[in-house]
PDB file of N, CA and C in Angstrom:
ATOM      1  N   MET A   1     -51.188  63.205-117.396  1.00  0.00           N
ATOM      2  CA  MET A   1     -50.366  63.395-116.156  1.00  0.00           C
ATOM      3  C   MET A   1     -50.486  62.484-115.159  1.00  0.00           C
ATOM      4  N   ASP A   2     -49.491  62.521-114.255  1.00  0.00           N
ATOM      5  CA  ASP A   2     -49.417  61.555-113.445  1.00  0.00           C
ATOM      6  C   ASP A   2     -50.087  62.119-112.173  1.00  0.00           C
ATOM      7  N   LYS A   3     -51.279  61.268-111.767  1.00  0.00           N
ATOM      8  CA  LYS A   3     -52.149  61.716-110.666  1.00  0.00           C
ATOM      9  C   LYS A   3     -51.192  61.979-109.251  1.00  0.00           C
ATOM     10  N   ASP A   4     -50.622  60.827-109.257  1.00  0.00           N
ATOM     11  CA  ASP A   4     -49.954  60.671-107.865  1.00  0.00           C
ATOM     12  C   ASP A   4     -48.944  61.833-107.778  1.00  0.00           C
ATOM     13  N   GLY A   5     -48.048  62.140-108.954  1.00  0.00           N
ATOM     14  CA  GLY A   5     -47.277  63.240-108.831  1.00  0.00           C
ATOM     15  C   GLY A   5     -48.023  64.468-108.543  1.00  0.00           C
ATOM     16  N   ASP A   6     -49.262  64.638-109.041  1.00  0.00           N
ATOM     17  CA  ASP A   6     -50.112  66.119-109.095  1.00  0.00           C
ATOM     18  C   ASP A   6     -50.318  66.084-107.438  1.00  0.00           C
ATOM     19  N   GLY A   7     -50.958  64.688-106.907  1.00  0.00           N
ATOM     20  CA  GLY A   7     -51.095  65.121-105.601  1.00  0.00           C
ATOM     21  C   GLY A   7     -50.241  65.489-104.820  1.00  0.00           C
ATOM     22  N   LYS A   8     -48.644  64.850-104.811  1.00  0.00           N
ATOM     23  CA  LYS A   8     -47.877  64.974-104.283  1.00  0.00           C
ATOM     24  C   LYS A   8     -47.419  66.695-104.277  1.00  0.00           C
ATOM     25  N   GLN A   9     -47.272  67.313-105.617  1.00  0.00           N
ATOM     26  CA  GLN A   9     -47.104  68.606-105.556  1.00  0.00           C
ATOM     27  C   GLN A   9     -48.322  69.400-105.147  1.00  0.00           C
ATOM     28  N   ASN A  10     -49.609  68.907-105.012  1.00  0.00           N
ATOM     29  CA  ASN A  10     -50.635  69.796-104.342  1.00  0.00           C
ATOM     30  C   ASN A  10     -50.348  69.811-102.943  1.00  0.00           C
ATOM     31  N   THR A  11     -49.962  68.786-102.404  1.00  0.00           N
ATOM     32  CA  THR A  11     -49.592  68.629-100.967  1.00  0.00           C
ATOM     33  C   THR A  11     -48.309  69.561-100.689  1.00  0.00           C
ATOM     34  N   ALA A  12     -47.482  69.305-101.619  1.00  0.00           N
ATOM     35  CA  ALA A  12     -46.138  70.232-101.091  1.00  0.00           C
ATOM     36  C   ALA A  12     -46.612  71.732-101.258  1.00  0.00           C
ATOM     37  N   ASP A  13     -47.223  72.149-102.370  1.00  0.00           N
ATOM     38  CA  ASP A  13     -47.665  73.542-102.425  1.00  0.00           C
ATOM     39  C   ASP A  13     -48.426  74.166-101.356  1.00  0.00           C
ATOM     40  N   MET A  14     -49.518  72.985-101.014  1.00  0.00           N
ATOM     41  CA  MET A  14     -50.330  73.676 -99.735  1.00  0.00           C
ATOM     42  C   MET A  14     -49.368  73.572 -98.414  1.00  0.00           C
ATOM     43  N   THR A  15     -48.654  72.881 -98.224  1.00  0.00           N
ATOM     44  CA  THR A  15     -47.540  72.897 -96.930  1.00  0.00           C
ATOM     45  C   THR A  15     -46.748  74.351 -97.206  1.00  0.00           C
ATOM     46  N   GLN A  16     -46.315  74.628 -98.105  1.00  0.00           N
ATOM     47  CA  GLN A  16     -45.590  75.967 -98.094  1.00  0.00           C
ATOM     48  C   GLN A  16     -46.495  76.956 -98.047  1.00  0.00           C
ATOM     49  N   PHE A  17     -47.602  77.017 -98.456  1.00  0.00           N
ATOM     50  CA  PHE A  17     -48.297  78.162 -98.211  1.00  0.00           C
ATOM     51  C   PHE A  17     -48.749  78.369 -96.804  1.00  0.00           C
ATOM     52  N   VAL A  18     -48.984  77.118 -96.220  1.00  0.00           N
ATOM     53  CA  VAL A  18     -49.490  77.264 -94.538  1.00  0.00           C
ATOM     54  C   VAL A  18     -48.140  77.835 -93.971  1.00  0.00           C
ATOM     55  N   GLN A  19     -46.931  77.273 -94.421  1.00  0.00           N
ATOM     56  CA  GLN A  19     -46.079  77.546 -93.415  1.00  0.00           C
ATOM     57  C   GLN A  19     -45.828  79.153 -93.810  1.00  0.00           C
ATOM     58  N   THR A  20     -45.715  79.690 -94.949  1.00  0.00           N
ATOM     59  CA  THR A  20     -45.378  81.142 -95.168  1.00  0.00           C
ATOM     60  C   THR A  20     -46.523  81.847 -94.364  1.00  0.00           C
ATOM     61  N   LEU A  21     -47.788  81.156 -94.144  1.00  0.00           N
ATOM     62  CA  LEU A  21     -48.737  81.946 -93.776  1.00  0.00           C
ATOM     63  C   LEU A  21     -48.936  81.805 -92.206  1.00  0.00           C
ATOM     64  N   LEU A  22     -47.977  80.732 -91.475  1.00  0.00           N
ATOM     65  CA  LEU A  22     -47.568  80.705 -90.296  1.00  0.00           C
ATOM     66  C   LEU A  22     -46.564  81.779 -89.928  1.00  0.00           C
ATOM     67  N   GLN A  23     -45.651  81.722 -91.021  1.00  0.00           N
ATOM     68  CA  GLN A  23     -44.553  82.705 -90.931  1.00  0.00           C
ATOM     69  C   GLN A  23     -45.089  84.240 -90.717  1.00  0.00           C
ATOM     70  N   GLN A  24     -45.796  84.519 -91.559  1.00  0.00           N
ATOM     71  CA  GLN A  24     -46.296  85.988 -91.564  1.00  0.00           C
ATOM     72  C   GLN A  24     -47.331  86.090 -90.183  1.00  0.00           C
ATOM     73  N   MET A  25     -47.989  85.470 -89.599  1.00  0.00           N
ATOM     74  CA  MET A  25     -48.649  85.693 -88.439  1.00  0.00           C
ATOM     75  C   MET A  25     -47.738  85.773 -87.284  1.00  0.00           C
ATOM     76  N   GLN A  26     -46.647  85.014 -87.375  1.00  0.00           N
ATOM     77  CA  GLN A  26     -45.695  84.944 -86.351  1.00  0.00           C
ATOM     78  C   GLN A  26     -44.958  86.413 -86.199  1.00  0.00           C
ATOM     79  N   ASN A  27     -44.614  86.615 -87.433  1.00  0.00           N
ATOM     80  CA  ASN A  27     -43.953  87.755 -87.625  1.00  0.00           C
ATOM     81  C   ASN A  27     -44.801  89.095 -87.116  1.00  0.00           C
ATOM     82  N   ARG A  28     -46.154  89.161 -87.429  1.00  0.00           N
ATOM     83  CA  ARG A  28     -46.741  90.215 -87.057  1.00  0.00           C
ATOM     84  C   ARG A  28     -47.316  90.177 -85.480  1.00  0.00           C
ATOM     85  N   PHE A  29     -47.452  88.965 -84.922  1.00  0.00           N
ATOM     86  CA  PHE A  29     -47.540  88.731 -83.524  1.00  0.00           C
ATOM     87  C   PHE A  29     -46.400  88.928 -82.543  1.00  0.00           C
ATOM     88  N   GLN A  30     -45.344  89.360 -83.348  1.00  0.00           N
ATOM     89  CA  GLN A  30     -43.991  89.405 -82.980  1.00  0.00           C
ATOM     90  C   GLN A  30     -43.718  91.004 -82.836  1.00  0.00           C
ATOM     91  N   THR A  31     -44.199  91.725 -83.734  1.00  0.00           N
ATOM     92  CA  THR A  31     -44.344  92.802 -84.105  1.00  0.00           C
ATOM     93  C   THR A  31     -45.461  93.609 -82.975  1.00  0.00           C
ATOM     94  N   MET A  32     -46.623  93.168 -82.831  1.00  0.00           N
ATOM     95  CA  MET A  32     -47.381  93.664 -82.027  1.00  0.00           C
ATOM     96  C   MET A  32     -46.735  93.540 -80.461  1.00  0.00           C
ATOM     97  N   SER A  33     -46.347  92.318 -80.111  1.00  0.00           N
ATOM     98  CA  SER A  33     -45.821  91.947 -78.913  1.00  0.00           C
ATOM     99  C   SER A  33     -44.541  93.053 -78.379  1.00  0.00           C
ATOM    100  N   ASP A  34     -43.729  93.666 -79.450  1.00  0.00           N
ATOM    101  CA  ASP A  34     -42.551  94.330 -79.197  1.00  0.00           C
ATOM    102  C   ASP A  34     -43.316  95.574 -78.897  1.00  0.00           C
ATOM    103  N   SER A  35     -44.073  96.168 -79.602  1.00  0.00           N
ATOM    104  CA  SER A  35     -44.895  97.321 -79.673  1.00  0.00           C
ATOM    105  C   SER A  35     -45.439  97.357 -78.065  1.00  0.00           C
ATOM    106  N   ILE A  36     -46.187  96.345 -77.782  1.00  0.00           N
ATOM    107  CA  ILE A  36     -46.710  96.338 -76.449  1.00  0.00           C
ATOM    108  C   ILE A  36     -45.947  96.600 -75.554  1.00  0.00           C
ATOM    109  N   VAL A  37     -44.736  95.868 -75.618  1.00  0.00           N
ATOM    110  CA  VAL A  37     -43.388  96.135 -74.516  1.00  0.00           C
ATOM    111  C   VAL A  37     -42.863  97.221 -74.371  1.00  0.00           C
ATOM    112  N   SER A  38     -42.516  97.969 -75.469  1.00  0.00           N
ATOM    113  CA  SER A  38     -41.879  99.172 -75.564  1.00  0.00           C
ATOM    114  C   SER A  38     -42.684 100.220 -75.214  1.00  0.00           C
ATOM    115  N   LYS A  39     -43.993  99.935 -75.204  1.00  0.00           N
ATOM    116  CA  LYS A  39     -45.014 101.356 -74.601  1.00  0.00           C
ATOM    117  C   LYS A  39     -45.339 100.877 -73.262  1.00  0.00           C
ATOM    118  N   ASN A  40     -45.055  99.650 -72.645  1.00  0.00           N
ATOM    119  CA  ASN A  40     -44.915  99.372 -71.367  1.00  0.00           C
ATOM    120  C   ASN A  40     -44.026  99.948 -70.884  1.00  0.00           C
ATOM    121  N   ILE A  41     -42.747  99.736 -71.333  1.00  0.00           N
ATOM    122  CA  ILE A  41     -41.553 100.322 -70.751  1.00  0.00           C
ATOM    123  C   ILE A  41     -41.478 101.708 -70.365  1.00  0.00           C
ATOM    124  N   LEU A  42     -41.909 102.356 -71.796  1.00  0.00           N
ATOM    125  CA  LEU A  42     -41.925 103.670 -71.767  1.00  0.00           C
ATOM    126  C   LEU A  42     -43.143 104.386 -70.478  1.00  0.00           C
ATOM    127  N   PHE A  43     -44.242 103.624 -70.597  1.00  0.00           N
ATOM    128  CA  PHE A  43     -45.364 104.037 -69.313  1.00  0.00           C
ATOM    129  C   PHE A  43     -44.306 103.918 -67.827  1.00  0.00           C
ATOM    130  N   ALA A  44     -43.531 102.889 -67.943  1.00  0.00           N
ATOM    131  CA  ALA A  44     -43.413 102.577 -66.344  1.00  0.00           C
ATOM    132  C   ALA A  44     -41.884 103.582 -66.105  1.00  0.00           C
ATOM    133  N   TYR A  45     -41.452 104.051 -67.307  1.00  0.00           N
ATOM    134  CA  TYR A  45     -40.442 104.547 -67.127  1.00  0.00           C
ATOM    135  C   TYR A  45     -40.771 106.337 -66.949  1.00  0.00           C
ATOM    136  N   LEU A  46     -41.977 106.726 -67.521  1.00  0.00           N
ATOM    137  CA  LEU A  46     -42.547 107.862 -67.129  1.00  0.00           C
ATOM    138  C   LEU A  46     -43.369 108.149 -65.727  1.00  0.00           C
ATOM    139  N   PHE A  47     -44.132 106.805 -65.628  1.00  0.00           N
ATOM    140  CA  PHE A  47     -44.615 106.771 -64.323  1.00  0.00           C
ATOM    141  C   PHE A  47     -43.543 106.824 -63.102  1.00  0.00           C
ATOM    142  N   ILE A  48     -42.689 106.144 -63.318  1.00  0.00           N
ATOM    143  CA  ILE A  48     -41.364 106.216 -62.018  1.00  0.00           C
ATOM    144  C   ILE A  48     -40.761 107.788 -62.208  1.00  0.00           C
ATOM    145  N   LYS A  49     -40.539 108.558 -63.258  1.00  0.00           N
ATOM    146  CA  LYS A  49     -40.219 109.716 -63.225  1.00  0.00           C
ATOM    147  C   LYS A  49     -41.024 110.525 -62.351  1.00  0.00           C
ATOM    148  N   ILE A  50     -42.368 110.548 -62.457  1.00  0.00           N
ATOM    149  CA  ILE A  50     -43.222 111.418 -61.844  1.00  0.00           C
ATOM    150  C   ILE A  50     -43.210 111.509 -60.722  1.00  0.00           C
ATOM    151  N   LEU A  51     -42.916 110.031 -60.208  1.00  0.00           N
ATOM    152  CA  LEU A  51     -43.196 109.819 -58.481  1.00  0.00           C
ATOM    153  C   LEU A  51     -41.574 110.629 -57.926  1.00  0.00           C
TER     154      LEU A  51
END
């Protein structure tokens, strides 16, 4: 096999893996952020309603 071609394929595979991993992390952080924001909005609404 062509070692240079194998190296390029390994690099491409690793790049794709890292990009996928980063996208998954971004999605999870976005989900957590959305959850926190919605809870804070609900808390503020309930707090104002009590006043």
